[in-house]
Amino acid sequence: MSDRKIALVTGGNRGLGKNMALALAQKNIDVIITYRQNESEALDVVEQLKSYGINSTALQLNLSNFKNLKTFTENFFNILKTQWSSETFDFLINNAGMGATVPMEKMTEEIFDDFVNVHFKGVYFLTQACLPHMNNGGRVINISSGTTRFSHPGYSIYASMKGAIEVLTRYIAKEYGSKGIGANVVAPGPIETDFNNAAIRSNPQMKQTLGSLTSLGRVGNADDIGGVVAFLCSEEARWVNGQRIEASGGINI
């Protein structure tokens, strides 16, 4: 059994989640990532993670189908036993998400339910299942969005679910603090990744406009976020609890 700490990063096969996983590996933390459908992409990330000398694997998780959550948690706890000889782990990073720009007038119940499952219901019950298996000193890091502080047209459901996650995070910090478990939110601003059909990357005008709103004059990159998450999983961040940390380059300030 390794004496390294273990992290679970949902949606760790690409974008922000991949960078979070790599940043954790650089801190000598073993990493289990999840992917929604692209297994080969996830396995490539696992090989990158292993190049840092850590133990890693990838598991399939589709939060839009809530009925699959029980199977996933059983697989996750089983892999902890078989690959790590452990029944516990240390860090849960709820990063997996989906994007869509939908004006409120065009919102449908189907889209609404998909966002609820992926961004709130799935996160809530995955976290509930994981918390009893987390070690003293463990951390839950929930990924939110700058759009809970400032409004962007078309993000009414996405931002609402992220707002719910921010409230949930404070409750996790309050209810599990006696077990030595902390919880924090990282809220990125606009990031140039393939999220939401690469909306920023594929639209130079949008990228320029959003970049001009930040005090640093640019949109973010994936590696602007991973290190923040890794810090919150470090011993140096042990006294940071129940907080929302916005990593947005100073947008709309």
Protein backbone atom coordinates (compact mmCIF):
# COMPACT_ATOMS: atom_id res chain seq x y z
CA MET A 1 0.00 0.00 0.00
CA SER A 2 1.38 3.38 -1.07
CA ASP A 3 1.75 6.18 1.43
CA ARG A 4 0.83 8.67 -1.28
CA LYS A 5 -2.49 10.43 -1.08
CA ILE A 6 -5.19 9.58 -3.64
CA ALA A 7 -7.40 11.98 -5.62
CA LEU A 8 -10.49 11.37 -7.73
CA VAL A 9 -10.89 13.94 -10.53
CA THR A 10 -14.13 13.71 -12.48
CA GLY A 11 -13.88 14.72 -16.12
CA GLY A 12 -10.11 14.38 -15.91
CA ASN A 13 -9.56 13.26 -19.48
CA ARG A 14 -9.49 16.73 -21.04
CA GLY A 15 -9.46 20.49 -20.48
CA LEU A 16 -9.44 21.79 -16.93
CA GLY A 17 -9.82 18.33 -15.38
CA LYS A 18 -6.76 17.01 -17.20
CA ASN A 19 -4.68 19.95 -16.01
CA MET A 20 -5.92 19.46 -12.44
CA ALA A 21 -4.93 15.80 -12.59
CA LEU A 22 -1.46 16.63 -13.91
CA ALA A 23 -0.96 19.34 -11.27
CA LEU A 24 -1.90 16.85 -8.53
CA ALA A 25 0.48 14.24 -9.97
CA GLN A 26 3.28 16.80 -9.84
CA LYS A 27 2.61 16.98 -6.09
CA ASN A 28 3.13 13.20 -5.88
CA ILE A 29 -0.58 12.47 -5.45
CA ASP A 30 -2.03 9.36 -7.09
CA VAL A 31 -4.92 10.24 -9.40
CA ILE A 32 -8.01 8.41 -10.58
CA ILE A 33 -9.75 10.22 -13.42
CA THR A 34 -13.19 9.75 -14.94
CA TYR A 35 -14.30 10.20 -18.51
CA ARG A 36 -17.75 10.33 -20.06
CA GLN A 37 -17.16 8.49 -23.36
CA ASN A 38 -13.66 8.96 -24.79
CA GLU A 39 -11.76 6.07 -23.19
CA SER A 40 -8.70 6.32 -25.44
CA GLU A 41 -8.26 9.99 -24.55
CA ALA A 42 -8.54 9.11 -20.85
CA LEU A 43 -5.98 6.32 -21.15
CA ASP A 44 -3.54 8.73 -22.79
CA VAL A 45 -3.91 11.02 -19.77
CA VAL A 46 -3.33 8.06 -17.44
CA GLU A 47 -0.03 7.37 -19.22
CA GLN A 48 0.95 11.03 -18.80
CA LEU A 49 0.11 10.83 -15.11
CA LYS A 50 2.14 7.66 -14.66
CA SER A 51 5.14 9.41 -16.23
CA TYR A 52 5.30 11.41 -12.98
CA GLY A 53 5.88 8.17 -11.09
CA ILE A 54 2.42 7.95 -9.56
CA ASN A 55 -0.32 5.31 -9.71
CA SER A 56 -3.30 6.15 -11.88
CA THR A 57 -6.32 4.71 -13.67
CA ALA A 58 -9.44 5.87 -15.50
CA LEU A 59 -13.09 4.97 -14.89
CA GLN A 60 -16.16 5.71 -16.99
CA LEU A 61 -18.75 8.06 -15.45
CA ASN A 62 -21.73 9.68 -17.17
CA LEU A 63 -23.46 11.94 -14.68
CA SER A 64 -26.29 12.71 -17.09
CA ASN A 65 -27.55 9.16 -16.48
CA PHE A 66 -28.07 9.26 -12.73
CA LYS A 67 -28.90 5.54 -12.52
CA ASN A 68 -25.26 4.74 -13.38
CA LEU A 69 -23.93 6.48 -10.27
CA LYS A 70 -24.32 3.45 -7.97
CA THR A 71 -22.38 1.25 -10.41
CA PHE A 72 -19.64 3.86 -10.67
CA THR A 73 -19.19 4.20 -6.91
CA GLU A 74 -19.01 0.41 -6.56
CA ASN A 75 -16.34 0.31 -9.29
CA PHE A 76 -14.45 3.19 -7.67
CA PHE A 77 -14.34 1.62 -4.21
CA ASN A 78 -13.37 -1.71 -5.77
CA ILE A 79 -10.46 -0.15 -7.68
CA LEU A 80 -9.25 1.46 -4.45
CA LYS A 81 -9.08 -2.00 -2.90
CA THR A 82 -7.54 -3.83 -5.83
CA GLN A 83 -5.10 -1.22 -7.16
CA TRP A 84 -4.33 0.69 -3.96
CA SER A 85 -5.10 -1.86 -1.21
CA SER A 86 -7.16 0.87 0.43
CA GLU A 87 -10.75 1.49 1.40
CA THR A 88 -10.25 5.25 1.66
CA PHE A 89 -8.94 8.17 -0.37
CA ASP A 90 -8.15 11.84 0.19
CA PHE A 91 -9.37 14.30 -2.41
CA LEU A 92 -12.56 14.55 -4.46
CA ILE A 93 -12.49 17.09 -7.28
CA ASN A 94 -15.97 17.50 -8.79
CA ASN A 95 -15.00 18.91 -12.16
CA ALA A 96 -17.04 16.99 -14.77
CA GLY A 97 -19.53 19.19 -16.55
CA MET A 98 -21.35 20.07 -19.71
CA GLY A 99 -21.88 23.37 -21.46
CA ALA A 100 -24.58 24.95 -23.59
CA THR A 101 -25.53 28.55 -24.22
CA VAL A 102 -29.32 28.56 -24.00
CA PRO A 103 -31.38 31.73 -23.52
CA MET A 104 -34.01 31.31 -20.83
CA GLU A 105 -36.83 31.68 -23.36
CA LYS A 106 -35.52 28.63 -25.23
CA MET A 107 -34.84 26.42 -22.21
CA THR A 108 -36.58 23.02 -22.29
CA GLU A 109 -37.30 20.62 -19.48
CA GLU A 110 -34.99 18.06 -21.11
CA ILE A 111 -32.02 20.43 -21.17
CA PHE A 112 -32.86 21.62 -17.66
CA ASP A 113 -32.92 18.06 -16.28
CA ASP A 114 -29.62 17.23 -18.00
CA PHE A 115 -27.94 20.21 -16.34
CA VAL A 116 -29.42 19.33 -12.94
CA ASN A 117 -28.14 15.75 -13.15
CA VAL A 118 -24.65 16.65 -14.34
CA HIS A 119 -24.00 19.80 -12.34
CA PHE A 120 -25.91 19.28 -9.12
CA LYS A 121 -27.75 16.02 -8.45
CA GLY A 122 -24.87 13.84 -9.64
CA VAL A 123 -22.30 15.92 -7.75
CA TYR A 124 -24.42 15.89 -4.60
CA PHE A 125 -24.89 12.13 -4.44
CA LEU A 126 -21.40 11.24 -5.65
CA THR A 127 -20.02 13.40 -2.86
CA GLN A 128 -22.43 11.86 -0.36
CA ALA A 129 -21.20 8.38 -1.33
CA CYS A 130 -17.53 9.36 -1.20
CA LEU A 131 -17.38 11.32 2.06
CA PRO A 132 -17.57 8.27 4.40
CA HIS A 133 -14.51 6.89 2.55
CA MET A 134 -12.38 10.02 2.83
CA ASN A 135 -9.43 10.22 5.19
CA ASN A 136 -9.02 12.78 7.94
CA GLY A 137 -7.45 15.79 6.27
CA GLY A 138 -9.35 15.08 3.06
CA ARG A 139 -10.74 17.80 0.82
CA VAL A 140 -13.68 18.24 -1.50
CA ILE A 141 -13.02 20.73 -4.30
CA ASN A 142 -16.07 21.74 -6.30
CA ILE A 143 -15.66 23.55 -9.58
CA SER A 144 -18.04 26.45 -10.07
CA SER A 145 -18.00 29.43 -12.43
CA GLY A 146 -17.45 33.16 -12.51
CA THR A 147 -21.02 33.38 -13.79
CA THR A 148 -22.36 32.95 -10.27
CA ARG A 149 -20.98 36.44 -9.54
CA PHE A 150 -21.65 38.15 -12.87
CA SER A 151 -24.35 37.34 -15.42
CA HIS A 152 -23.74 36.19 -18.99
CA PRO A 153 -26.70 35.73 -21.36
CA GLY A 154 -27.55 32.10 -22.05
CA TYR A 155 -26.08 30.78 -18.81
CA SER A 156 -29.16 30.94 -16.57
CA ILE A 157 -29.35 27.20 -15.86
CA TYR A 158 -25.58 26.57 -15.81
CA ALA A 159 -24.93 29.43 -13.39
CA SER A 160 -27.93 28.49 -11.24
CA MET A 161 -26.61 24.95 -10.78
CA LYS A 162 -23.14 26.27 -9.99
CA GLY A 163 -24.69 28.61 -7.43
CA ALA A 164 -26.30 25.58 -5.80
CA ILE A 165 -22.90 23.88 -5.74
CA GLU A 166 -21.39 26.86 -3.94
CA VAL A 167 -24.05 26.66 -1.21
CA LEU A 168 -23.57 22.88 -0.98
CA THR A 169 -19.82 23.37 -0.52
CA ARG A 170 -20.34 25.48 2.58
CA TYR A 171 -22.63 22.80 4.03
CA ILE A 172 -20.04 20.08 3.37
CA ALA A 173 -17.43 22.19 5.15
CA LYS A 174 -19.79 22.69 8.10
CA GLU A 175 -21.09 19.13 8.42
CA TYR A 176 -17.83 17.26 7.82
CA GLY A 177 -15.36 19.57 9.53
CA SER A 178 -15.57 17.46 12.69
CA LYS A 179 -14.23 14.55 10.61
CA GLY A 180 -11.26 16.63 9.49
CA ILE A 181 -12.59 17.09 5.95
CA GLY A 182 -12.59 20.49 4.26
CA ALA A 183 -14.45 21.76 1.21
CA ASN A 184 -13.83 24.68 -1.12
CA VAL A 185 -14.98 26.07 -4.46
CA VAL A 186 -12.77 27.06 -7.38
CA ALA A 187 -14.63 29.34 -9.78
CA PRO A 188 -12.86 29.85 -13.13
CA GLY A 189 -13.67 32.78 -15.35
CA PRO A 190 -13.69 32.39 -19.16
CA ILE A 191 -11.20 29.69 -20.14
CA GLU A 192 -10.01 28.79 -23.62
CA THR A 193 -10.72 25.03 -23.78
CA ASP A 194 -13.05 22.78 -25.79
CA PHE A 195 -15.79 23.25 -23.16
CA ASN A 196 -19.20 24.27 -24.52
CA ASN A 197 -18.16 23.30 -28.06
CA ALA A 198 -14.98 25.40 -27.73
CA ALA A 199 -17.13 28.54 -27.66
CA ILE A 200 -14.23 30.84 -26.75
CA ARG A 201 -11.48 29.12 -28.73
CA SER A 202 -13.54 29.06 -31.94
CA ASN A 203 -14.74 32.66 -31.68
CA PRO A 204 -11.87 35.18 -31.79
CA GLN A 205 -14.22 38.12 -31.25
CA MET A 206 -15.70 36.55 -28.10
CA LYS A 207 -12.21 35.68 -26.88
CA GLN A 208 -11.03 39.27 -27.37
CA THR A 209 -14.13 40.74 -25.73
CA LEU A 210 -13.98 38.49 -22.68
CA GLY A 211 -10.23 38.99 -22.38
CA SER A 212 -10.70 42.76 -22.35
CA LEU A 213 -12.99 42.42 -19.32
CA THR A 214 -10.20 40.96 -17.17
CA SER A 215 -7.67 43.18 -15.46
CA LEU A 216 -4.91 40.94 -16.89
CA GLY A 217 -6.20 41.45 -20.41
CA ARG A 218 -6.72 37.86 -21.56
CA VAL A 219 -8.94 34.83 -21.13
CA GLY A 220 -7.66 31.97 -19.05
CA ASN A 221 -5.90 28.75 -20.03
CA ALA A 222 -6.35 25.32 -18.47
CA ASP A 223 -3.02 25.60 -16.66
CA ASP A 224 -4.25 28.73 -14.89
CA ILE A 225 -6.63 26.52 -12.87
CA GLY A 226 -4.94 23.17 -12.17
CA GLY A 227 -2.37 24.61 -9.80
CA VAL A 228 -5.08 26.34 -7.75
CA VAL A 229 -6.85 23.01 -7.23
CA ALA A 230 -3.58 21.28 -6.37
CA PHE A 231 -2.79 23.97 -3.81
CA LEU A 232 -6.15 23.46 -2.12
CA CYS A 233 -5.26 19.78 -1.78
CA SER A 234 -1.93 20.59 -0.15
CA GLU A 235 -1.02 20.78 3.52
CA GLU A 236 -0.35 24.51 3.05
CA ALA A 237 -4.08 25.02 2.38
CA ARG A 238 -5.27 23.13 5.46
CA TRP A 239 -6.82 26.26 7.01
CA VAL A 240 -8.74 27.28 3.88
CA ASN A 241 -12.25 25.91 4.30
CA GLY A 242 -15.73 26.74 3.04
CA GLN A 243 -14.38 29.34 0.61
CA ARG A 244 -15.11 30.36 -2.97
CA ILE A 245 -11.87 31.12 -4.79
CA GLU A 246 -12.39 32.80 -8.13
CA ALA A 247 -9.58 32.27 -10.63
CA SER A 248 -10.63 34.60 -13.40
CA GLY A 249 -7.81 37.06 -14.02
CA GLY A 250 -9.82 39.75 -12.29
CA ILE A 251 -12.84 39.84 -14.59
CA ASN A 252 -15.54 42.45 -13.97
CA ILE A 253 -13.89 43.97 -10.92
